[in-house]
Amino acid sequence: MATLEDKLLGEKLEYYCSSSEGEDNDHDGDDEKDAGRKGAAGGLTINTDPDAAPAGGFRQQGSTNTGPKGVVKDWQRFKQLEAERRDETERQRLALAKKLSMTTATTAEDEERKRQEELDDELSELMSEDFLQQYQKQRMAEMLRQTGHNQQFGKVQQLSTHGEFLACVEQENKHTTIIIHIYEKSLAACSTLNKCLESLASDYPSIKFAKICSSVAGMSRDFRTKGLPALLVYKAQAVVGNFVRLTDDLSDDFFASDVESFLIEHGIIVDRALYS
């Protein structure tokens, strides 16, 4: 009759681990005999197929490496997986850092581009024709105030003597432009120019306009015949313009606008549109 130990060994045969391959071989014949004997005695059959289910109705799960070598291999595999997991975590961290860095750089570039666009818009506005004209008017008005051009005249002053002529030039502010018309009553062009200067005097009140007869100014007969109408321009007691026989430039038929353009062209007056 089979002992309890025989029954246990027969049921757990798959879990039994031999310490020596030689012993396993030596006992192969005995096992077969024991198996036959146990089968005959107790009706118990030992299934030596490792793939078959054990007699107790369950199979071994997990690693079959139960020896020292198997433990070492399992430990090496565990460390390998752990290293791979660390490498993957590091790669993910670096990828995230790179993504964040790229996002930050992109944001900075967007801000710089927006700032540059704003500067370009401001520059375009500053360089616009309307702004430049407005700035020129303001600057001209400021310069006129600083140089005493806020003084108002508005009319053509009649100079009746040579002394008045000298006082008109010498006693005026050094920043004031003085335009004196030397005329002769008998010349139609002189009469026309006097009317034009009256109109300009009201349009340019900061400029001092005056007129004097050629005989009072001491002009020669030859000059009165060939040089009139004439304009003398003074500033700080110095002659800055000397224009004789203006009909050569204006023709015999001219208007105040023609005289104005002539004076602007020669730098005597500044276009009132710039500071009006």
Protein backbone atom coordinates (compact mmCIF):
# COMPACT_ATOMS: atom_id res chain seq x y z
CA MET A 1 0.00 0.00 0.00
CA ALA A 2 1.33 3.41 -0.99
CA THR A 3 2.57 5.52 1.82
CA LEU A 4 1.55 9.13 2.36
CA GLU A 5 4.96 10.27 1.18
CA ASP A 6 4.56 8.29 -2.02
CA LYS A 7 1.22 9.87 -2.67
CA LEU A 8 2.57 13.37 -2.07
CA LEU A 9 5.55 12.78 -4.29
CA GLY A 10 3.30 11.41 -6.99
CA GLU A 11 0.91 14.40 -6.90
CA LYS A 12 3.66 17.14 -6.72
CA LEU A 13 6.14 15.54 -9.03
CA GLU A 14 6.28 18.61 -11.33
CA TYR A 15 7.33 20.85 -8.40
CA TYR A 16 10.13 18.60 -7.30
CA CYS A 17 13.57 20.01 -8.07
CA SER A 18 16.48 17.67 -8.27
CA SER A 19 19.85 18.94 -7.15
CA SER A 20 21.76 16.77 -9.59
CA GLU A 21 21.15 15.73 -13.15
CA GLY A 22 23.03 12.52 -12.55
CA GLU A 23 20.75 11.58 -9.72
CA ASP A 24 17.79 12.23 -11.98
CA ASN A 25 19.17 9.80 -14.53
CA ASP A 26 19.95 7.21 -11.89
CA HIS A 27 16.52 7.29 -10.54
CA ASP A 28 14.73 7.16 -13.90
CA GLY A 29 14.47 3.40 -13.78
CA ASP A 30 13.39 3.38 -10.16
CA ASP A 31 10.75 6.00 -10.86
CA GLU A 32 9.30 3.91 -13.62
CA LYS A 33 9.24 0.91 -11.34
CA ASP A 34 7.69 2.91 -8.54
CA ALA A 35 5.18 4.32 -10.92
CA GLY A 36 4.20 0.88 -12.09
CA ARG A 37 4.10 -0.40 -8.55
CA LYS A 38 2.06 2.53 -7.30
CA GLY A 39 -0.25 2.24 -10.21
CA ALA A 40 -0.81 -1.35 -9.50
CA ALA A 41 -1.09 -0.91 -5.77
CA GLY A 42 -3.20 2.22 -5.45
CA GLY A 43 -4.52 2.80 -8.95
CA LEU A 44 -2.58 6.07 -9.22
CA THR A 45 -0.92 6.96 -12.55
CA ILE A 46 1.96 9.47 -12.68
CA ASN A 47 1.87 11.75 -15.75
CA THR A 48 5.43 12.66 -16.67
CA ASP A 49 4.45 15.02 -19.53
CA PRO A 50 5.59 18.52 -18.45
CA ASP A 51 2.90 20.18 -20.60
CA ALA A 52 0.08 18.20 -19.09
CA ALA A 53 -1.96 19.50 -16.20
CA PRO A 54 -0.85 18.19 -12.81
CA ALA A 55 -2.93 15.65 -10.96
CA GLY A 56 -4.10 18.19 -8.44
CA GLY A 57 -5.91 20.14 -11.20
CA PHE A 58 -3.53 23.19 -11.47
CA ARG A 59 -0.32 24.17 -13.32
CA GLN A 60 2.69 26.16 -12.28
CA GLN A 61 2.61 29.85 -13.29
CA GLY A 62 5.55 32.26 -13.85
CA SER A 63 9.19 31.53 -14.32
CA THR A 64 10.43 27.95 -14.40
CA ASN A 65 13.94 29.13 -13.50
CA THR A 66 14.00 28.27 -9.85
CA GLY A 67 17.71 27.70 -9.55
CA PRO A 68 20.43 30.30 -8.77
CA LYS A 69 21.01 30.97 -12.46
CA GLY A 70 17.33 31.68 -12.99
CA VAL A 71 17.27 34.12 -10.08
CA VAL A 72 20.27 36.00 -11.50
CA LYS A 73 18.69 36.20 -14.94
CA ASP A 74 15.43 37.48 -13.46
CA TRP A 75 17.34 40.12 -11.51
CA GLN A 76 19.29 41.16 -14.62
CA ARG A 77 16.06 41.43 -16.62
CA PHE A 78 14.51 43.53 -13.85
CA LYS A 79 17.47 45.94 -13.87
CA GLN A 80 17.34 46.14 -17.66
CA LEU A 81 13.66 47.04 -17.60
CA GLU A 82 14.32 49.56 -14.87
CA ALA A 83 17.12 51.19 -16.91
CA GLU A 84 14.91 51.29 -20.00
CA ARG A 85 12.14 52.88 -17.95
CA ARG A 86 14.58 55.54 -16.68
CA ASP A 87 15.80 56.22 -20.22
CA GLU A 88 12.24 56.61 -21.47
CA THR A 89 11.38 58.96 -18.60
CA GLU A 90 14.48 61.05 -19.39
CA ARG A 91 13.58 61.19 -23.09
CA GLN A 92 10.07 62.33 -22.23
CA ARG A 93 11.47 64.98 -19.86
CA LEU A 94 13.88 66.29 -22.51
CA ALA A 95 11.12 66.34 -25.12
CA LEU A 96 8.87 68.32 -22.78
CA ALA A 97 11.67 70.77 -21.94
CA LYS A 98 12.41 71.26 -25.64
CA LYS A 99 8.73 71.84 -26.40
CA LEU A 100 8.44 74.39 -23.61
CA SER A 101 11.63 76.10 -24.79
CA MET A 102 10.31 76.31 -28.35
CA THR A 103 7.00 77.69 -27.08
CA THR A 104 8.79 80.35 -25.05
CA ALA A 105 10.98 81.34 -27.98
CA THR A 106 7.96 81.54 -30.25
CA THR A 107 6.14 83.79 -27.78
CA ALA A 108 9.15 86.10 -27.53
CA GLU A 109 9.44 86.24 -31.31
CA ASP A 110 5.73 87.06 -31.61
CA GLU A 111 6.08 89.90 -29.11
CA GLU A 112 9.14 91.25 -30.91
CA ARG A 113 7.34 91.06 -34.25
CA LYS A 114 4.31 92.89 -32.84
CA ARG A 115 6.56 95.58 -31.35
CA GLN A 116 8.35 96.01 -34.66
CA GLU A 117 5.03 96.27 -36.51
CA GLU A 118 3.90 98.97 -34.09
CA LEU A 119 7.14 100.89 -34.65
CA ASP A 120 6.73 100.57 -38.41
CA ASP A 121 3.16 101.88 -38.18
CA GLU A 122 4.29 104.84 -36.07
CA LEU A 123 7.13 105.58 -38.48
CA SER A 124 4.76 105.41 -41.45
CA GLU A 125 2.45 107.83 -39.70
CA LEU A 126 5.33 110.17 -38.90
CA MET A 127 6.52 110.04 -42.49
CA SER A 128 3.10 110.79 -43.94
CA GLU A 129 2.77 113.98 -45.95
CA ASP A 130 0.00 115.39 -43.75
CA PHE A 131 2.05 114.94 -40.58
CA LEU A 132 5.17 116.49 -42.13
CA GLN A 133 3.21 119.51 -43.31
CA GLN A 134 1.61 119.95 -39.91
CA TYR A 135 4.96 119.64 -38.19
CA GLN A 136 6.49 122.16 -40.60
CA LYS A 137 3.71 124.64 -39.87
CA GLN A 138 4.14 124.27 -36.14
CA ARG A 139 7.91 124.58 -36.38
CA MET A 140 7.65 127.63 -38.61
CA ALA A 141 5.20 129.32 -36.26
CA GLU A 142 7.54 128.63 -33.34
CA MET A 143 10.51 130.06 -35.22
CA LEU A 144 8.53 133.14 -36.17
CA ARG A 145 7.59 133.72 -32.54
CA GLN A 146 11.20 133.29 -31.41
CA THR A 147 12.50 135.73 -34.02
CA GLY A 148 9.97 138.45 -33.30
CA HIS A 149 7.81 137.75 -36.34
CA ASN A 150 4.72 138.04 -34.22
CA GLN A 151 4.89 141.77 -34.81
CA GLN A 152 1.97 142.92 -36.93
CA PHE A 153 2.15 145.45 -39.75
CA GLY A 154 -0.55 144.62 -42.32
CA LYS A 155 -0.17 147.70 -44.52
CA VAL A 156 2.27 149.31 -46.95
CA GLN A 157 4.01 152.21 -45.27
CA GLN A 158 4.55 155.37 -47.34
CA LEU A 159 8.05 156.84 -46.97
CA SER A 160 8.01 160.53 -47.77
CA THR A 161 11.61 161.50 -47.02
CA HIS A 162 15.07 160.04 -47.21
CA GLY A 163 15.24 160.12 -43.40
CA GLU A 164 12.11 157.98 -43.14
CA PHE A 165 13.71 155.56 -45.55
CA LEU A 166 16.79 155.23 -43.31
CA ALA A 167 14.71 154.93 -40.13
CA CYS A 168 12.53 152.24 -41.73
CA VAL A 169 15.62 150.13 -42.30
CA GLU A 170 17.86 150.97 -39.35
CA GLN A 171 15.35 151.11 -36.49
CA GLU A 172 13.53 147.87 -37.17
CA ASN A 173 13.98 144.52 -35.38
CA LYS A 174 16.89 142.57 -36.82
CA HIS A 175 14.64 139.56 -37.43
CA THR A 176 12.07 141.55 -39.42
CA THR A 177 12.08 141.35 -43.19
CA ILE A 178 11.59 144.74 -44.85
CA ILE A 179 10.43 145.00 -48.48
CA ILE A 180 10.59 148.48 -50.03
CA HIS A 181 9.12 149.29 -53.40
CA ILE A 182 10.87 152.05 -55.36
CA TYR A 183 8.28 153.35 -57.78
CA GLU A 184 7.44 156.15 -60.20
CA LYS A 185 3.89 157.45 -60.39
CA SER A 186 3.90 157.68 -64.16
CA LEU A 187 4.64 153.96 -64.66
CA ALA A 188 1.61 151.62 -64.87
CA ALA A 189 3.67 148.64 -63.72
CA CYS A 190 4.56 150.52 -60.50
CA SER A 191 0.90 151.23 -59.78
CA THR A 192 0.05 147.58 -60.33
CA LEU A 193 2.87 146.47 -58.01
CA ASN A 194 1.69 148.87 -55.25
CA LYS A 195 -1.74 147.23 -55.35
CA CYS A 196 -0.19 143.76 -55.19
CA LEU A 197 1.93 144.74 -52.19
CA GLU A 198 -1.13 146.05 -50.36
CA SER A 199 -2.71 142.62 -50.74
CA LEU A 200 0.45 140.81 -49.61
CA ALA A 201 0.86 143.13 -46.61
CA SER A 202 -2.48 141.91 -45.21
CA ASP A 203 -1.59 138.28 -45.95
CA TYR A 204 1.89 138.58 -44.39
CA PRO A 205 1.45 140.96 -41.44
CA SER A 206 4.82 140.00 -39.90
CA ILE A 207 6.66 141.41 -42.94
CA LYS A 208 7.17 145.14 -43.17
CA PHE A 209 6.16 146.52 -46.57
CA ALA A 210 7.00 150.11 -47.57
CA LYS A 211 7.18 152.24 -50.71
CA ILE A 212 9.12 155.34 -51.68
CA CYS A 213 9.16 157.47 -54.82
CA SER A 214 12.35 157.15 -56.85
CA SER A 215 12.97 160.90 -56.84
CA VAL A 216 12.70 161.00 -53.00
CA ALA A 217 15.07 158.06 -52.72
CA GLY A 218 17.62 159.98 -54.85
CA MET A 219 17.58 157.65 -57.86
CA SER A 220 19.05 158.86 -61.15
CA ARG A 221 16.94 159.57 -64.20
CA ASP A 222 18.52 156.66 -66.04
CA PHE A 223 17.56 154.25 -63.22
CA ARG A 224 14.01 155.63 -63.13
CA THR A 225 13.75 154.99 -66.85
CA LYS A 226 15.32 151.52 -67.01
CA GLY A 227 15.19 150.00 -63.50
CA LEU A 228 11.60 150.45 -62.26
CA PRO A 229 9.60 148.93 -60.73
CA ALA A 230 12.23 147.79 -58.21
CA LEU A 231 12.16 146.03 -54.86
CA LEU A 232 14.82 146.32 -52.15
CA VAL A 233 14.77 143.75 -49.36
CA TYR A 234 16.51 144.40 -46.01
CA LYS A 235 17.08 142.36 -42.89
CA ALA A 236 19.25 143.41 -39.91
CA GLN A 237 20.14 146.58 -41.91
CA ALA A 238 21.63 144.49 -44.71
CA VAL A 239 20.42 144.13 -48.28
CA VAL A 240 19.26 140.55 -48.83
CA GLY A 241 17.45 141.15 -52.11
CA ASN A 242 17.72 143.60 -54.96
CA PHE A 243 15.26 143.15 -57.84
CA VAL A 244 15.05 145.70 -60.64
CA ARG A 245 12.69 145.97 -63.59
CA LEU A 246 10.37 143.25 -62.26
CA THR A 247 8.36 143.31 -65.45
CA ASP A 248 11.13 141.19 -67.00
CA ASP A 249 10.10 138.38 -64.63
CA LEU A 250 6.42 139.14 -64.08
CA SER A 251 5.52 140.56 -67.53
CA ASP A 252 3.44 143.72 -67.89
CA ASP A 253 0.26 142.05 -66.65
CA PHE A 254 0.66 140.39 -63.24
CA PHE A 255 -1.24 139.81 -60.00
CA ALA A 256 -0.56 139.57 -56.26
CA SER A 257 -0.21 135.78 -56.51
CA ASP A 258 2.50 136.22 -59.13
CA VAL A 259 4.44 138.59 -56.88
CA GLU A 260 3.97 136.23 -53.94
CA SER A 261 5.31 133.26 -55.92
CA PHE A 262 8.26 135.35 -57.09
CA LEU A 263 9.21 136.31 -53.51
CA ILE A 264 8.76 132.74 -52.24
CA GLU A 265 10.89 131.39 -55.07
CA HIS A 266 13.72 133.78 -54.18
CA GLY A 267 13.51 132.94 -50.46
CA ILE A 268 12.32 136.38 -49.38
CA ILE A 269 9.11 135.22 -47.74
CA VAL A 270 7.89 131.86 -46.48
CA ASP A 271 4.68 130.49 -47.87
CA ARG A 272 1.94 131.51 -45.42
CA ALA A 273 0.28 128.14 -45.94
CA LEU A 274 3.09 126.59 -43.90
CA TYR A 275 2.27 128.46 -40.69
CA SER A 276 -1.30 129.66 -41.14
